[in-house]
Amino acid sequence: MRARELRVFIGGDTLPMRRACEGPPEDLLAESGRAVTRLEAPVLTVEADVVRVETRLLAGEIECPDCGGVLAPWGWARCRVLRDAARMVRLRPRRARCAGCGGSHVLLPVFVLVRRVDLADVIGAALLAKASGAGARSIAVRLGRPVDTVRGWLRRFEQRAEHVRVYFTVLLVDTGVDPVPPAVAATPFAAAVSAVVGAWQAALSRWPDVGKVSPWQLAVAASQGRLLSPSWP
């Protein structure tokens, strides 16, 4: 599972994290939360501040995750409409191309998961609620989402819960100043959620600026947007 070093940009700072899965995510976003659009390039997770991303891109400060070369602006991916907690959000991701290997990448903000129209914090709220014992129907009512959509999030996370728990526990131990493994949880699902939150707390202990993003945005960065993808980690 452990692969070459990847630098993930969040909160205006650079955090060292490991990429657990090589290869690009294939799909991104749809009205129902399922994929209908195939990405034209591999995804690279970047911070949420669009202006800062553009500034760093123009300055040659973003590295190619494939070869370490310099990424430069190379147009835009197609526009998507996403759902926040209470509003719609339009997103047109930047595309970049490496001056070294020639590979192109879609720069995806840390608030977006691939294959999902709802933002990461909305989905994360559902996962936290499930870990605390709530059912899909009550979570759907609380978030104002279709119950089938919420069930889909919970089912996918549950299918990969043990893999997610292991990945984020390793991240916790690798990054924490004085890491403390998550406490034993009542279910594998809750244990995986606890590991995600624990990894965020560990990263926060080493890099205080991580506090600018939520645990679920850090999970997006660590997974390159693939937290709910069937092949990750």
C-alpha atoms as a PDB file:
ATOM      1  CA  MET A   1       0.000   0.000   0.000  1.00  0.00           C
ATOM      2  CA  ARG A   2       2.821   2.415   0.749  1.00  0.00           C
ATOM      3  CA  ALA A   3       4.157   4.158  -2.349  1.00  0.00           C
ATOM      4  CA  ARG A   4       6.381   7.018  -3.320  1.00  0.00           C
ATOM      5  CA  GLU A   5       6.275  10.356  -1.554  1.00  0.00           C
ATOM      6  CA  LEU A   6       3.612  12.801  -2.650  1.00  0.00           C
ATOM      7  CA  ARG A   7       3.377  16.425  -1.594  1.00  0.00           C
ATOM      8  CA  VAL A   8      -0.197  17.586  -1.071  1.00  0.00           C
ATOM      9  CA  PHE A   9      -1.013  21.272  -0.902  1.00  0.00           C
ATOM     10  CA  ILE A  10      -3.651  22.331   1.615  1.00  0.00           C
ATOM     11  CA  GLY A  11      -4.255  25.356   3.762  1.00  0.00           C
ATOM     12  CA  GLY A  12      -1.569  27.345   1.973  1.00  0.00           C
ATOM     13  CA  ASP A  13       1.193  25.023   3.155  1.00  0.00           C
ATOM     14  CA  THR A  14       2.820  21.851   1.888  1.00  0.00           C
ATOM     15  CA  LEU A  15       2.226  18.622   3.784  1.00  0.00           C
ATOM     16  CA  PRO A  16       4.197  15.430   3.137  1.00  0.00           C
ATOM     17  CA  MET A  17       1.840  12.486   2.674  1.00  0.00           C
ATOM     18  CA  ARG A  18       2.059   9.099   1.054  1.00  0.00           C
ATOM     19  CA  ARG A  19       0.103   8.088  -1.979  1.00  0.00           C
ATOM     20  CA  ALA A  20      -1.472   4.718  -1.335  1.00  0.00           C
ATOM     21  CA  CYS A  21      -2.711   4.158  -4.848  1.00  0.00           C
ATOM     22  CA  GLU A  22      -0.989   4.924  -8.109  1.00  0.00           C
ATOM     23  CA  GLY A  23      -2.995   5.884 -11.176  1.00  0.00           C
ATOM     24  CA  PRO A  24      -5.600   8.575 -11.774  1.00  0.00           C
ATOM     25  CA  PRO A  25      -9.172   8.686 -10.596  1.00  0.00           C
ATOM     26  CA  GLU A  26     -11.280   8.019 -13.686  1.00  0.00           C
ATOM     27  CA  ASP A  27     -14.504   9.866 -13.000  1.00  0.00           C
ATOM     28  CA  LEU A  28     -15.771  13.026 -11.380  1.00  0.00           C
ATOM     29  CA  LEU A  29     -19.147  14.273 -10.251  1.00  0.00           C
ATOM     30  CA  ALA A  30     -22.719  13.881 -11.410  1.00  0.00           C
ATOM     31  CA  GLU A  31     -26.124  15.242 -10.530  1.00  0.00           C
ATOM     32  CA  SER A  32     -27.046  12.126  -8.561  1.00  0.00           C
ATOM     33  CA  GLY A  33     -23.672  11.810  -6.871  1.00  0.00           C
ATOM     34  CA  ARG A  34     -22.638   9.084  -9.307  1.00  0.00           C
ATOM     35  CA  ALA A  35     -20.107   9.462 -12.086  1.00  0.00           C
ATOM     36  CA  VAL A  36     -21.141  10.532 -15.560  1.00  0.00           C
ATOM     37  CA  THR A  37     -18.063  12.450 -16.683  1.00  0.00           C
ATOM     38  CA  ARG A  38     -14.663  10.904 -17.333  1.00  0.00           C
ATOM     39  CA  LEU A  39     -11.741  13.111 -16.412  1.00  0.00           C
ATOM     40  CA  GLU A  40      -9.421  14.029 -19.225  1.00  0.00           C
ATOM     41  CA  ALA A  41      -6.341  13.910 -16.975  1.00  0.00           C
ATOM     42  CA  PRO A  42      -5.133  12.501 -13.648  1.00  0.00           C
ATOM     43  CA  VAL A  43      -6.174  14.418 -10.542  1.00  0.00           C
ATOM     44  CA  LEU A  44      -3.821  16.350  -8.259  1.00  0.00           C
ATOM     45  CA  THR A  45      -5.311  17.666  -5.020  1.00  0.00           C
ATOM     46  CA  VAL A  46      -4.600  21.327  -4.244  1.00  0.00           C
ATOM     47  CA  GLU A  47      -5.719  23.828  -1.619  1.00  0.00           C
ATOM     48  CA  ALA A  48      -9.151  25.428  -1.766  1.00  0.00           C
ATOM     49  CA  ASP A  49      -7.906  28.987  -2.386  1.00  0.00           C
ATOM     50  CA  VAL A  50      -8.245  29.380  -6.173  1.00  0.00           C
ATOM     51  CA  VAL A  51      -6.232  32.602  -6.281  1.00  0.00           C
ATOM     52  CA  ARG A  52      -3.346  31.062  -4.359  1.00  0.00           C
ATOM     53  CA  VAL A  53      -3.367  27.969  -6.564  1.00  0.00           C
ATOM     54  CA  GLU A  54      -3.174  30.150  -9.671  1.00  0.00           C
ATOM     55  CA  THR A  55      -0.377  32.245  -8.174  1.00  0.00           C
ATOM     56  CA  ARG A  56       1.653  29.200  -7.252  1.00  0.00           C
ATOM     57  CA  LEU A  57       1.002  27.599 -10.618  1.00  0.00           C
ATOM     58  CA  LEU A  58       2.223  30.680 -12.490  1.00  0.00           C
ATOM     59  CA  ALA A  59       5.274  30.838 -10.226  1.00  0.00           C
ATOM     60  CA  GLY A  60       6.191  27.223 -10.962  1.00  0.00           C
ATOM     61  CA  GLU A  61       5.704  26.160  -7.345  1.00  0.00           C
ATOM     62  CA  ILE A  62       3.481  23.109  -7.936  1.00  0.00           C
ATOM     63  CA  GLU A  63       5.300  19.872  -8.674  1.00  0.00           C
ATOM     64  CA  CYS A  64       4.239  17.136 -11.031  1.00  0.00           C
ATOM     65  CA  PRO A  65       3.262  14.107  -8.903  1.00  0.00           C
ATOM     66  CA  ASP A  66       4.636  11.782 -11.579  1.00  0.00           C
ATOM     67  CA  CYS A  67       8.159  13.096 -12.160  1.00  0.00           C
ATOM     68  CA  GLY A  68       8.689  16.051  -9.798  1.00  0.00           C
ATOM     69  CA  GLY A  69       8.841  18.524 -12.674  1.00  0.00           C
ATOM     70  CA  VAL A  70       7.187  21.939 -12.752  1.00  0.00           C
ATOM     71  CA  LEU A  71       3.494  22.209 -13.597  1.00  0.00           C
ATOM     72  CA  ALA A  72       2.309  25.125 -15.724  1.00  0.00           C
ATOM     73  CA  PRO A  73      -1.214  26.356 -16.590  1.00  0.00           C
ATOM     74  CA  TRP A  74      -2.851  24.383 -19.399  1.00  0.00           C
ATOM     75  CA  GLY A  75      -6.462  25.424 -19.725  1.00  0.00           C
ATOM     76  CA  TRP A  76      -9.426  24.292 -17.678  1.00  0.00           C
ATOM     77  CA  ALA A  77     -11.469  21.158 -17.079  1.00  0.00           C
ATOM     78  CA  ARG A  78     -15.201  21.322 -17.715  1.00  0.00           C
ATOM     79  CA  CYS A  79     -17.408  23.187 -15.263  1.00  0.00           C
ATOM     80  CA  ARG A  80     -19.254  21.233 -12.577  1.00  0.00           C
ATOM     81  CA  VAL A  81     -22.067  22.198 -10.225  1.00  0.00           C
ATOM     82  CA  LEU A  82     -21.586  20.811  -6.697  1.00  0.00           C
ATOM     83  CA  ARG A  83     -23.726  20.807  -3.550  1.00  0.00           C
ATOM     84  CA  ASP A  84     -22.594  22.379  -0.296  1.00  0.00           C
ATOM     85  CA  ALA A  85     -24.645  22.040   2.891  1.00  0.00           C
ATOM     86  CA  ALA A  86     -27.226  24.617   1.779  1.00  0.00           C
ATOM     87  CA  ARG A  87     -26.196  25.951  -1.631  1.00  0.00           C
ATOM     88  CA  MET A  88     -24.903  25.017  -5.046  1.00  0.00           C
ATOM     89  CA  VAL A  89     -21.256  25.652  -5.896  1.00  0.00           C
ATOM     90  CA  ARG A  90     -19.875  26.046  -9.419  1.00  0.00           C
ATOM     91  CA  LEU A  91     -16.412  24.626  -9.959  1.00  0.00           C
ATOM     92  CA  ARG A  92     -14.214  24.757 -13.033  1.00  0.00           C
ATOM     93  CA  PRO A  93     -10.981  22.974 -12.093  1.00  0.00           C
ATOM     94  CA  ARG A  94      -7.670  24.242 -13.423  1.00  0.00           C
ATOM     95  CA  ARG A  95      -5.656  21.990 -15.674  1.00  0.00           C
ATOM     96  CA  ALA A  96      -1.870  21.947 -15.654  1.00  0.00           C
ATOM     97  CA  ARG A  97       0.833  20.329 -17.729  1.00  0.00           C
ATOM     98  CA  CYS A  98       4.287  19.229 -16.662  1.00  0.00           C
ATOM     99  CA  ALA A  99       7.211  20.919 -18.392  1.00  0.00           C
ATOM    100  CA  GLY A 100       9.263  17.771 -17.835  1.00  0.00           C
ATOM    101  CA  CYS A 101       7.250  14.658 -18.667  1.00  0.00           C
ATOM    102  CA  GLY A 102       4.435  16.413 -20.539  1.00  0.00           C
ATOM    103  CA  GLY A 103       1.742  14.803 -18.382  1.00  0.00           C
ATOM    104  CA  SER A 104      -1.411  16.800 -17.707  1.00  0.00           C
ATOM    105  CA  HIS A 105      -3.340  17.005 -14.432  1.00  0.00           C
ATOM    106  CA  VAL A 106      -6.653  18.346 -13.210  1.00  0.00           C
ATOM    107  CA  LEU A 107      -6.110  20.394 -10.037  1.00  0.00           C
ATOM    108  CA  LEU A 108      -8.940  19.360  -7.743  1.00  0.00           C
ATOM    109  CA  PRO A 109      -9.623  21.388  -4.560  1.00  0.00           C
ATOM    110  CA  VAL A 110      -9.526  19.586  -1.220  1.00  0.00           C
ATOM    111  CA  PHE A 111     -13.237  20.074  -0.658  1.00  0.00           C
ATOM    112  CA  VAL A 112     -14.195  17.723  -3.529  1.00  0.00           C
ATOM    113  CA  LEU A 113     -14.290  13.929  -3.689  1.00  0.00           C
ATOM    114  CA  VAL A 114     -14.177  12.278  -7.101  1.00  0.00           C
ATOM    115  CA  ARG A 115     -17.431  10.651  -8.236  1.00  0.00           C
ATOM    116  CA  ARG A 116     -19.446  12.779  -5.789  1.00  0.00           C
ATOM    117  CA  VAL A 117     -21.484  15.915  -6.347  1.00  0.00           C
ATOM    118  CA  ASP A 118     -21.724  16.687  -2.618  1.00  0.00           C
ATOM    119  CA  LEU A 119     -18.765  18.386  -0.991  1.00  0.00           C
ATOM    120  CA  ALA A 120     -16.465  16.406   1.276  1.00  0.00           C
ATOM    121  CA  ASP A 121     -17.646  18.041   4.494  1.00  0.00           C
ATOM    122  CA  VAL A 122     -21.273  17.136   3.737  1.00  0.00           C
ATOM    123  CA  ILE A 123     -20.345  13.507   3.176  1.00  0.00           C
ATOM    124  CA  GLY A 124     -18.044  13.604   6.188  1.00  0.00           C
ATOM    125  CA  ALA A 125     -20.925  14.806   8.375  1.00  0.00           C
ATOM    126  CA  ALA A 126     -22.910  11.755   7.277  1.00  0.00           C
ATOM    127  CA  LEU A 127     -20.009   9.418   8.077  1.00  0.00           C
ATOM    128  CA  LEU A 128     -19.565  10.970  11.521  1.00  0.00           C
ATOM    129  CA  ALA A 129     -23.271  10.632  12.243  1.00  0.00           C
ATOM    130  CA  LYS A 130     -23.278   6.979  11.176  1.00  0.00           C
ATOM    131  CA  ALA A 131     -20.244   6.306  13.383  1.00  0.00           C
ATOM    132  CA  SER A 132     -22.235   7.755  16.297  1.00  0.00           C
ATOM    133  CA  GLY A 133     -25.115   5.370  15.667  1.00  0.00           C
ATOM    134  CA  ALA A 134     -27.472   7.349  13.425  1.00  0.00           C
ATOM    135  CA  GLY A 135     -29.307   5.627  10.593  1.00  0.00           C
ATOM    136  CA  ALA A 136     -29.300   6.563   6.930  1.00  0.00           C
ATOM    137  CA  ARG A 137     -32.838   7.947   6.967  1.00  0.00           C
ATOM    138  CA  SER A 138     -32.268  10.318   9.890  1.00  0.00           C
ATOM    139  CA  ILE A 139     -28.943  11.436   8.404  1.00  0.00           C
ATOM    140  CA  ALA A 140     -30.640  12.139   5.064  1.00  0.00           C
ATOM    141  CA  VAL A 141     -33.281  14.278   6.764  1.00  0.00           C
ATOM    142  CA  ARG A 142     -30.645  16.174   8.743  1.00  0.00           C
ATOM    143  CA  LEU A 143     -28.555  16.900   5.641  1.00  0.00           C
ATOM    144  CA  GLY A 144     -31.446  17.420   3.225  1.00  0.00           C
ATOM    145  CA  ARG A 145     -30.236  14.701   0.874  1.00  0.00           C
ATOM    146  CA  PRO A 146     -32.044  11.737  -0.727  1.00  0.00           C
ATOM    147  CA  VAL A 147     -31.842   8.699   1.517  1.00  0.00           C
ATOM    148  CA  ASP A 148     -30.530   6.548  -1.344  1.00  0.00           C
ATOM    149  CA  THR A 149     -27.645   8.976  -1.850  1.00  0.00           C
ATOM    150  CA  VAL A 150     -26.741   8.838   1.837  1.00  0.00           C
ATOM    151  CA  ARG A 151     -27.007   5.038   1.869  1.00  0.00           C
ATOM    152  CA  GLY A 152     -24.612   4.959  -1.061  1.00  0.00           C
ATOM    153  CA  TRP A 153     -21.992   6.981   0.848  1.00  0.00           C
ATOM    154  CA  LEU A 154     -22.334   4.840   3.960  1.00  0.00           C
ATOM    155  CA  ARG A 155     -22.282   1.553   2.049  1.00  0.00           C
ATOM    156  CA  ARG A 156     -19.151   2.467   0.098  1.00  0.00           C
ATOM    157  CA  PHE A 157     -17.286   3.650   3.200  1.00  0.00           C
ATOM    158  CA  GLU A 158     -18.325   0.545   5.136  1.00  0.00           C
ATOM    159  CA  GLN A 159     -17.070  -1.719   2.351  1.00  0.00           C
ATOM    160  CA  ARG A 160     -13.591  -0.196   2.655  1.00  0.00           C
ATOM    161  CA  ALA A 161     -13.675   0.620   6.383  1.00  0.00           C
ATOM    162  CA  GLU A 162     -10.829  -1.645   7.486  1.00  0.00           C
ATOM    163  CA  HIS A 163      -8.566  -0.480   4.648  1.00  0.00           C
ATOM    164  CA  VAL A 164      -9.367   3.146   5.471  1.00  0.00           C
ATOM    165  CA  ARG A 165      -8.721   2.558   9.163  1.00  0.00           C
ATOM    166  CA  VAL A 166      -5.303   1.029   8.500  1.00  0.00           C
ATOM    167  CA  TYR A 167      -4.297   3.759   6.035  1.00  0.00           C
ATOM    168  CA  PHE A 168      -5.174   6.667   8.293  1.00  0.00           C
ATOM    169  CA  THR A 169      -3.749   4.982  11.392  1.00  0.00           C
ATOM    170  CA  VAL A 170      -0.427   4.699   9.562  1.00  0.00           C
ATOM    171  CA  LEU A 171      -0.734   8.351   8.535  1.00  0.00           C
ATOM    172  CA  LEU A 172      -1.466   9.270  12.151  1.00  0.00           C
ATOM    173  CA  VAL A 173       1.645   7.479  13.420  1.00  0.00           C
ATOM    174  CA  ASP A 174       3.836   8.845  10.616  1.00  0.00           C
ATOM    175  CA  THR A 175       2.846  12.496  11.087  1.00  0.00           C
ATOM    176  CA  GLY A 176       1.967  13.022  14.746  1.00  0.00           C
ATOM    177  CA  VAL A 177       4.438  14.734  17.089  1.00  0.00           C
ATOM    178  CA  ASP A 178       3.446  12.341  19.887  1.00  0.00           C
ATOM    179  CA  PRO A 179       0.950  10.060  18.126  1.00  0.00           C
ATOM    180  CA  VAL A 180      -1.767   8.257  20.043  1.00  0.00           C
ATOM    181  CA  PRO A 181      -3.619   5.520  18.105  1.00  0.00           C
ATOM    182  CA  PRO A 182      -7.408   5.883  18.027  1.00  0.00           C
ATOM    183  CA  ALA A 183      -9.359   4.274  20.839  1.00  0.00           C
ATOM    184  CA  VAL A 184     -11.139   0.997  20.176  1.00  0.00           C
ATOM    185  CA  ALA A 185     -14.464   1.711  18.464  1.00  0.00           C
ATOM    186  CA  ALA A 186     -17.763  -0.163  18.582  1.00  0.00           C
ATOM    187  CA  THR A 187     -17.795  -0.997  14.853  1.00  0.00           C
ATOM    188  CA  PRO A 188     -15.292  -1.165  11.976  1.00  0.00           C
ATOM    189  CA  PHE A 189     -17.112   1.822  10.441  1.00  0.00           C
ATOM    190  CA  ALA A 190     -16.647   3.909  13.591  1.00  0.00           C
ATOM    191  CA  ALA A 191     -13.017   2.795  13.851  1.00  0.00           C
ATOM    192  CA  ALA A 192     -12.326   4.031  10.325  1.00  0.00           C
ATOM    193  CA  VAL A 193     -13.950   7.401  11.035  1.00  0.00           C
ATOM    194  CA  SER A 194     -11.948   7.676  14.255  1.00  0.00           C
ATOM    195  CA  ALA A 195      -8.738   7.012  12.328  1.00  0.00           C
ATOM    196  CA  VAL A 196      -9.526   9.797   9.841  1.00  0.00           C
ATOM    197  CA  VAL A 197     -10.149  12.289  12.636  1.00  0.00           C
ATOM    198  CA  GLY A 198      -7.082  11.038  14.507  1.00  0.00           C
ATOM    199  CA  ALA A 199      -4.873  11.531  11.454  1.00  0.00           C
ATOM    200  CA  TRP A 200      -6.157  15.102  11.135  1.00  0.00           C
ATOM    201  CA  GLN A 201      -5.346  15.751  14.815  1.00  0.00           C
ATOM    202  CA  ALA A 202      -1.884  14.246  14.361  1.00  0.00           C
ATOM    203  CA  ALA A 203      -1.201  16.418  11.308  1.00  0.00           C
ATOM    204  CA  LEU A 204      -2.457  19.434  13.244  1.00  0.00           C
ATOM    205  CA  SER A 205       0.055  18.710  16.014  1.00  0.00           C
ATOM    206  CA  ARG A 206       2.900  18.904  13.497  1.00  0.00           C
ATOM    207  CA  TRP A 207       1.585  21.547  11.098  1.00  0.00           C
ATOM    208  CA  PRO A 208      -0.766  24.011  12.870  1.00  0.00           C
ATOM    209  CA  ASP A 209      -1.974  25.456   9.570  1.00  0.00           C
ATOM    210  CA  VAL A 210      -3.762  22.164   8.919  1.00  0.00           C
ATOM    211  CA  GLY A 211      -6.414  23.647  11.193  1.00  0.00           C
ATOM    212  CA  LYS A 212      -7.495  25.755   8.234  1.00  0.00           C
ATOM    213  CA  VAL A 213      -9.085  22.645   6.738  1.00  0.00           C
ATOM    214  CA  SER A 214     -11.483  20.068   8.159  1.00  0.00           C
ATOM    215  CA  PRO A 215     -10.657  16.408   8.857  1.00  0.00           C
ATOM    216  CA  TRP A 216     -12.562  15.476   5.712  1.00  0.00           C
ATOM    217  CA  GLN A 217     -10.634  17.904   3.546  1.00  0.00           C
ATOM    218  CA  LEU A 218      -7.430  16.392   4.846  1.00  0.00           C
ATOM    219  CA  ALA A 219      -8.886  12.976   4.000  1.00  0.00           C
ATOM    220  CA  VAL A 220      -9.465  14.215   0.447  1.00  0.00           C
ATOM    221  CA  ALA A 221      -5.853  15.378   0.251  1.00  0.00           C
ATOM    222  CA  ALA A 222      -4.491  12.113   1.649  1.00  0.00           C
ATOM    223  CA  SER A 223      -6.609   9.999  -0.707  1.00  0.00           C
ATOM    224  CA  GLN A 224      -6.256  12.279  -3.753  1.00  0.00           C
ATOM    225  CA  GLY A 225     -10.031  12.633  -3.698  1.00  0.00           C
ATOM    226  CA  ARG A 226     -10.664   8.876  -3.729  1.00  0.00           C
ATOM    227  CA  LEU A 227     -11.860   8.263  -0.176  1.00  0.00           C
ATOM    228  CA  LEU A 228     -15.080   6.630  -1.422  1.00  0.00           C
ATOM    229  CA  SER A 229     -13.602   5.003  -4.500  1.00  0.00           C
ATOM    230  CA  PRO A 230     -13.881   1.189  -4.574  1.00  0.00           C
ATOM    231  CA  SER A 231     -10.186   0.667  -5.377  1.00  0.00           C
ATOM    232  CA  TRP A 232      -8.782   2.984  -2.690  1.00  0.00           C
ATOM    233  CA  PRO A 233      -6.619   2.563  -0.705  1.00  0.00           C
END
